[in-house]
Amino acid sequence: MLVTLKENLEMAEKGNYAVGAFNVPTLEAARAALEAAEELKAPIILAHAEVHNELMPLEFIGPILVELAKKASVPITVHLDHGTQFDLIKQAIDIGFTSVMIDASHLPFEANVREVKKVVEYARKQNVSVEAELGVMTDSTIGGGESYDDSDKGDGIYTDPETAKVFVAETDIDALAAAFGTVHGIYLEEPKLDFHRLQQIYQGTGKPVVMHGGSGLKEEDYTQVINAGVRKVNYYSYAAKAGAEAVKHYVNHKEHIFYHDITAVAKKAMKQNYQRAIEIFMN
């Protein structure tokens, strides 16, 4: 069933778990995530990232995701991830997405607030939830953009709890993506998560916290961030990597190869990876 992000995260709050948000830039990825959720009878979020729009345009994948969610036997939110362009965000809402993320975190605070309020105003009319980001979420050099060395920069890249409280009050968002030590992509070294900061953000804002860069952590890290207020975990890179590694193994051990078989191999591997992630998030 198709539900809003707010509805999905309210259930997560009551159950003290996190909902997995899976970027699905291909039909195989979408089916893998959906099948994993239905077999485990777990809610999930099917997400289309703006950065994947060149790979799979929103106008193609969007209606498919909405239709898959409507027919699902478990609660599914269809979400636009890291939207920076208002026109694309509006397009996702008009297609039927039940959640959008406006990412204006690269802008100064007041400009960020202004952009978020613009999206909230439009989304509320359509009963669509809004996620926004405060702080600097960095990328690894694998599966992301540039790496970031924060060893001599103090805590300036992290979300400030007091600023987050003001940000949420001014924007009235439904979920806050906070920076507390995770990165997008594949981890090149063990992450240093600031659990105390996370808990302060959660308690101060009274809103569900979203963890971006949610792949590749230790199981105990997931448990700790969920207990500290994370209710949505963005998870993609390691599932995509699992699919690619399965295809690589298949290609290296098969004499005759057909494209449709490769997609099936990738889907099976991603599904298994998603299932493991869901089990950890729901534990």
Protein backbone atom coordinates (compact mmCIF):
# COMPACT_ATOMS: atom_id res chain seq x y z
CA MET A 1 0.00 0.00 0.00
CA LEU A 2 1.16 3.50 -0.78
CA VAL A 3 1.76 5.63 2.33
CA THR A 4 3.41 8.96 3.08
CA LEU A 5 6.82 9.21 4.67
CA LYS A 6 5.21 10.77 7.74
CA GLU A 7 2.91 7.75 8.15
CA ASN A 8 5.76 5.30 7.66
CA LEU A 9 8.02 7.04 10.15
CA GLU A 10 5.25 7.40 12.74
CA MET A 11 4.95 3.61 12.71
CA ALA A 12 8.72 3.33 13.03
CA GLU A 13 8.68 5.73 15.99
CA LYS A 14 6.12 3.60 17.81
CA GLY A 15 8.08 0.43 17.10
CA ASN A 16 11.55 1.93 17.66
CA TYR A 17 12.90 0.78 14.32
CA ALA A 18 14.13 2.40 11.11
CA VAL A 19 12.62 2.11 7.64
CA GLY A 20 15.05 1.26 4.86
CA ALA A 21 15.09 3.79 2.01
CA PHE A 22 16.44 2.09 -1.10
CA ASN A 23 17.45 4.00 -4.21
CA VAL A 24 16.16 2.00 -7.16
CA PRO A 25 17.48 3.40 -10.46
CA THR A 26 16.50 0.25 -12.39
CA LEU A 27 13.46 -1.99 -12.51
CA GLU A 28 15.56 -4.91 -11.19
CA ALA A 29 16.55 -2.87 -8.13
CA ALA A 30 12.94 -1.84 -7.50
CA ARG A 31 11.67 -5.42 -7.75
CA ALA A 32 14.49 -6.66 -5.52
CA ALA A 33 13.64 -4.16 -2.79
CA LEU A 34 9.91 -4.75 -3.04
CA GLU A 35 10.21 -8.55 -2.99
CA ALA A 36 12.55 -8.36 0.00
CA ALA A 37 10.06 -6.20 1.89
CA GLU A 38 7.04 -8.35 1.07
CA GLU A 39 8.77 -11.58 2.04
CA LEU A 40 9.78 -10.06 5.38
CA LYS A 41 6.41 -8.26 5.76
CA ALA A 42 8.28 -5.01 6.36
CA PRO A 43 7.67 -1.39 5.33
CA ILE A 44 10.22 0.25 3.05
CA ILE A 45 10.83 3.39 1.01
CA LEU A 46 11.41 3.16 -2.74
CA ALA A 47 13.51 6.16 -3.70
CA HIS A 48 14.52 7.80 -6.93
CA ALA A 49 17.60 9.99 -6.57
CA GLU A 50 17.91 13.14 -8.65
CA VAL A 51 21.50 12.12 -9.41
CA HIS A 52 20.16 9.00 -11.15
CA ASN A 53 17.87 10.96 -13.44
CA GLU A 54 20.27 10.68 -16.39
CA LEU A 55 20.42 6.91 -15.90
CA MET A 56 16.67 6.53 -15.46
CA PRO A 57 14.47 9.60 -16.02
CA LEU A 58 11.84 10.35 -13.40
CA GLU A 59 9.04 10.34 -15.96
CA PHE A 60 9.84 6.68 -16.76
CA ILE A 61 10.58 5.15 -13.36
CA GLY A 62 8.28 7.36 -11.26
CA PRO A 63 4.87 6.00 -12.36
CA ILE A 64 6.22 2.44 -12.11
CA LEU A 65 7.32 2.95 -8.50
CA VAL A 66 3.98 4.48 -7.57
CA GLU A 67 2.08 1.59 -9.16
CA LEU A 68 4.31 -1.02 -7.47
CA ALA A 69 3.71 0.66 -4.11
CA LYS A 70 -0.07 0.75 -4.57
CA LYS A 71 -0.16 -2.98 -5.28
CA ALA A 72 2.21 -3.96 -2.46
CA SER A 73 1.00 -5.86 0.58
CA VAL A 74 3.19 -3.80 2.93
CA PRO A 75 3.44 -0.02 3.54
CA ILE A 76 5.58 1.59 0.83
CA THR A 77 6.60 5.23 0.54
CA VAL A 78 7.73 6.50 -2.87
CA HIS A 79 10.35 9.17 -2.32
CA LEU A 80 12.46 11.62 -4.32
CA ASP A 81 15.98 11.60 -2.88
CA HIS A 82 18.29 14.64 -2.80
CA GLY A 83 16.11 16.86 -4.94
CA THR A 84 17.76 20.19 -5.64
CA GLN A 85 15.53 21.47 -8.45
CA PHE A 86 12.03 22.66 -7.57
CA ASP A 87 10.68 21.68 -10.99
CA LEU A 88 11.84 18.08 -10.51
CA ILE A 89 10.42 17.97 -6.99
CA LYS A 90 7.10 19.29 -8.29
CA GLN A 91 7.18 16.70 -11.07
CA ALA A 92 7.66 13.88 -8.55
CA ILE A 93 4.74 15.13 -6.46
CA ASP A 94 2.52 15.44 -9.54
CA ILE A 95 3.42 11.86 -10.58
CA GLY A 96 2.19 10.60 -7.22
CA PHE A 97 5.27 10.41 -5.00
CA THR A 98 4.28 10.55 -1.33
CA SER A 99 7.56 12.02 -0.12
CA VAL A 100 10.23 14.39 -1.42
CA MET A 101 13.59 15.54 -0.15
CA ILE A 102 14.65 19.08 -0.80
CA ASP A 103 18.42 19.29 -0.41
CA ALA A 104 19.50 22.90 -0.09
CA SER A 105 22.10 22.12 2.58
CA HIS A 106 24.85 23.67 0.45
CA LEU A 107 23.19 27.08 0.85
CA PRO A 108 23.48 29.47 3.79
CA PHE A 109 20.99 28.78 6.58
CA GLU A 110 18.37 31.41 5.65
CA ALA A 111 18.49 30.43 1.97
CA ASN A 112 18.13 26.77 2.94
CA VAL A 113 15.07 27.62 5.03
CA ARG A 114 13.58 29.64 2.19
CA GLU A 115 13.95 26.81 -0.35
CA VAL A 116 12.56 24.22 2.06
CA LYS A 117 9.51 26.33 2.95
CA LYS A 118 8.75 26.71 -0.75
CA VAL A 119 8.68 22.93 -1.17
CA VAL A 120 6.70 22.36 2.04
CA GLU A 121 4.04 24.82 0.90
CA TYR A 122 3.52 22.95 -2.38
CA ALA A 123 3.81 19.46 -0.90
CA ARG A 124 1.30 20.06 1.91
CA LYS A 125 -1.42 20.79 -0.64
CA GLN A 126 -0.92 17.27 -2.03
CA ASN A 127 -0.51 15.50 1.35
CA VAL A 128 3.14 14.79 0.55
CA SER A 129 5.81 14.54 3.24
CA VAL A 130 9.00 16.60 3.09
CA GLU A 131 12.54 15.75 4.20
CA ALA A 132 15.30 18.37 4.29
CA GLU A 133 18.98 18.36 5.16
CA LEU A 134 21.05 20.47 7.51
CA GLY A 135 24.80 20.04 7.76
CA VAL A 136 27.35 18.80 5.24
CA MET A 137 26.92 15.22 4.05
CA THR A 138 30.18 14.20 2.37
CA ASP A 139 30.93 11.67 -0.37
CA SER A 140 33.55 8.95 -0.46
CA THR A 141 35.72 8.57 -3.55
CA ILE A 142 34.00 5.28 -4.36
CA GLY A 143 30.35 5.42 -5.37
CA GLY A 144 30.13 9.12 -4.57
CA GLY A 145 31.93 12.35 -5.36
CA GLU A 146 34.95 13.82 -3.66
CA SER A 147 36.36 12.48 -0.42
CA TYR A 148 36.46 14.75 2.61
CA ASP A 149 39.11 14.88 5.29
CA ASP A 150 37.67 16.47 8.43
CA SER A 151 40.67 15.78 10.64
CA ASP A 152 41.53 19.46 11.03
CA LYS A 153 38.15 21.10 10.58
CA GLY A 154 36.56 20.50 13.96
CA ASP A 155 32.84 19.72 13.94
CA GLY A 156 31.83 22.33 11.36
CA ILE A 157 30.61 19.74 8.88
CA TYR A 158 28.20 18.20 11.38
CA THR A 159 24.64 19.28 12.08
CA ASP A 160 24.43 21.61 15.05
CA PRO A 161 21.62 20.51 17.43
CA GLU A 162 20.54 24.06 18.32
CA THR A 163 20.51 25.17 14.69
CA ALA A 164 18.56 22.03 13.79
CA LYS A 165 15.90 22.93 16.37
CA VAL A 166 15.42 26.35 14.76
CA PHE A 167 15.51 24.89 11.25
CA VAL A 168 12.74 22.39 11.97
CA ALA A 169 10.59 24.97 13.75
CA GLU A 170 10.85 27.40 10.82
CA THR A 171 10.29 24.86 8.03
CA ASP A 172 7.82 22.38 9.60
CA ILE A 173 9.44 19.46 7.77
CA ASP A 174 8.49 15.84 8.50
CA ALA A 175 12.02 14.43 8.73
CA LEU A 176 15.52 15.85 9.10
CA ALA A 177 18.60 14.48 7.33
CA ALA A 178 21.44 15.16 9.76
CA ALA A 179 25.20 14.94 9.37
CA PHE A 180 26.84 13.10 12.27
CA GLY A 181 29.67 11.15 10.67
CA THR A 182 28.35 9.07 7.78
CA VAL A 183 29.31 9.52 4.11
CA HIS A 184 27.76 8.65 0.78
CA GLY A 185 29.28 5.76 -1.16
CA ILE A 186 31.71 3.05 -0.03
CA TYR A 187 33.54 3.64 3.24
CA LEU A 188 37.29 4.00 2.74
CA GLU A 189 37.89 3.91 6.49
CA GLU A 190 35.83 3.17 9.58
CA PRO A 191 33.29 5.95 10.15
CA LYS A 192 33.34 8.01 13.34
CA LEU A 193 29.73 8.49 14.35
CA ASP A 194 28.75 11.16 16.87
CA PHE A 195 25.92 9.38 18.69
CA HIS A 196 25.58 12.05 21.36
CA ARG A 197 25.08 14.75 18.74
CA LEU A 198 22.49 12.59 16.99
CA GLN A 199 20.53 12.11 20.20
CA GLN A 200 20.60 15.85 20.89
CA ILE A 201 19.25 16.56 17.39
CA TYR A 202 16.46 14.02 17.77
CA GLN A 203 15.40 15.21 21.22
CA GLY A 204 15.70 18.89 20.36
CA THR A 205 13.71 18.80 17.11
CA GLY A 206 11.13 16.19 18.02
CA LYS A 207 11.35 14.92 14.44
CA PRO A 208 12.53 11.60 12.96
CA VAL A 209 16.18 11.76 11.94
CA VAL A 210 17.32 10.43 8.55
CA MET A 211 20.72 8.81 8.18
CA HIS A 212 22.23 9.22 4.73
CA GLY A 213 25.21 7.09 3.79
CA GLY A 214 23.61 4.21 5.65
CA SER A 215 25.43 1.37 3.87
CA GLY A 216 28.47 -0.38 5.27
CA LEU A 217 28.10 0.22 9.02
CA LYS A 218 28.51 -2.37 11.74
CA GLU A 219 25.31 -3.98 13.00
CA GLU A 220 25.83 -2.46 16.44
CA ASP A 221 26.14 0.99 14.83
CA TYR A 222 22.71 0.61 13.26
CA THR A 223 21.24 -0.43 16.60
CA GLN A 224 22.80 2.55 18.33
CA VAL A 225 21.66 5.16 15.79
CA ILE A 226 18.13 3.76 15.79
CA ASN A 227 18.00 3.97 19.59
CA ALA A 228 19.23 7.56 19.27
CA GLY A 229 16.39 8.62 16.96
CA VAL A 230 17.13 7.52 13.38
CA ARG A 231 13.89 6.37 11.74
CA LYS A 232 14.95 6.32 8.07
CA VAL A 233 18.18 4.81 6.77
CA ASN A 234 19.24 5.58 3.21
CA TYR A 235 20.88 2.43 1.88
CA TYR A 236 22.12 1.92 -1.66
CA SER A 237 25.85 1.60 -2.39
CA TYR A 238 26.47 -1.79 -0.82
CA ALA A 239 23.38 -3.35 -2.40
CA ALA A 240 24.45 -2.04 -5.81
CA LYS A 241 27.94 -3.41 -5.14
CA ALA A 242 26.50 -6.82 -4.22
CA GLY A 243 24.59 -6.90 -7.51
CA ALA A 244 27.68 -5.96 -9.49
CA GLU A 245 29.86 -8.55 -7.78
CA ALA A 246 27.29 -11.26 -8.47
CA VAL A 247 27.22 -10.29 -12.15
CA LYS A 248 31.03 -10.27 -12.29
CA HIS A 249 31.16 -13.79 -10.86
CA TYR A 250 28.48 -14.97 -13.26
CA VAL A 251 30.22 -13.52 -16.32
CA ASN A 252 33.56 -15.00 -15.30
CA HIS A 253 32.12 -18.50 -14.94
CA LYS A 254 29.69 -18.75 -17.85
CA GLU A 255 30.56 -19.48 -21.47
CA HIS A 256 27.33 -18.22 -23.00
CA ILE A 257 25.96 -14.99 -21.55
CA PHE A 258 22.65 -13.25 -22.17
CA TYR A 259 21.71 -9.83 -20.88
CA HIS A 260 18.42 -10.94 -19.31
CA ASP A 261 20.27 -13.55 -17.24
CA ILE A 262 22.64 -10.86 -15.96
CA THR A 263 19.72 -8.74 -14.74
CA ALA A 264 18.25 -11.75 -12.93
CA VAL A 265 21.57 -12.47 -11.22
CA ALA A 266 21.89 -8.84 -10.09
CA LYS A 267 18.31 -8.76 -8.81
CA LYS A 268 18.77 -11.91 -6.72
CA ALA A 269 21.95 -10.58 -5.10
CA MET A 270 20.44 -7.17 -4.37
CA LYS A 271 17.33 -8.77 -2.90
CA GLN A 272 19.42 -10.81 -0.47
CA ASN A 273 21.37 -7.70 0.51
CA TYR A 274 18.19 -5.68 1.02
CA GLN A 275 16.69 -8.43 3.15
CA ARG A 276 19.68 -8.44 5.46
CA ALA A 277 19.49 -4.66 5.77
CA ILE A 278 15.77 -4.73 6.56
CA GLU A 279 16.30 -7.38 9.24
CA ILE A 280 18.90 -5.20 10.93
CA PHE A 281 16.84 -2.00 10.69
CA MET A 282 13.71 -3.70 12.05
CA ASN A 283 15.45 -5.63 14.84
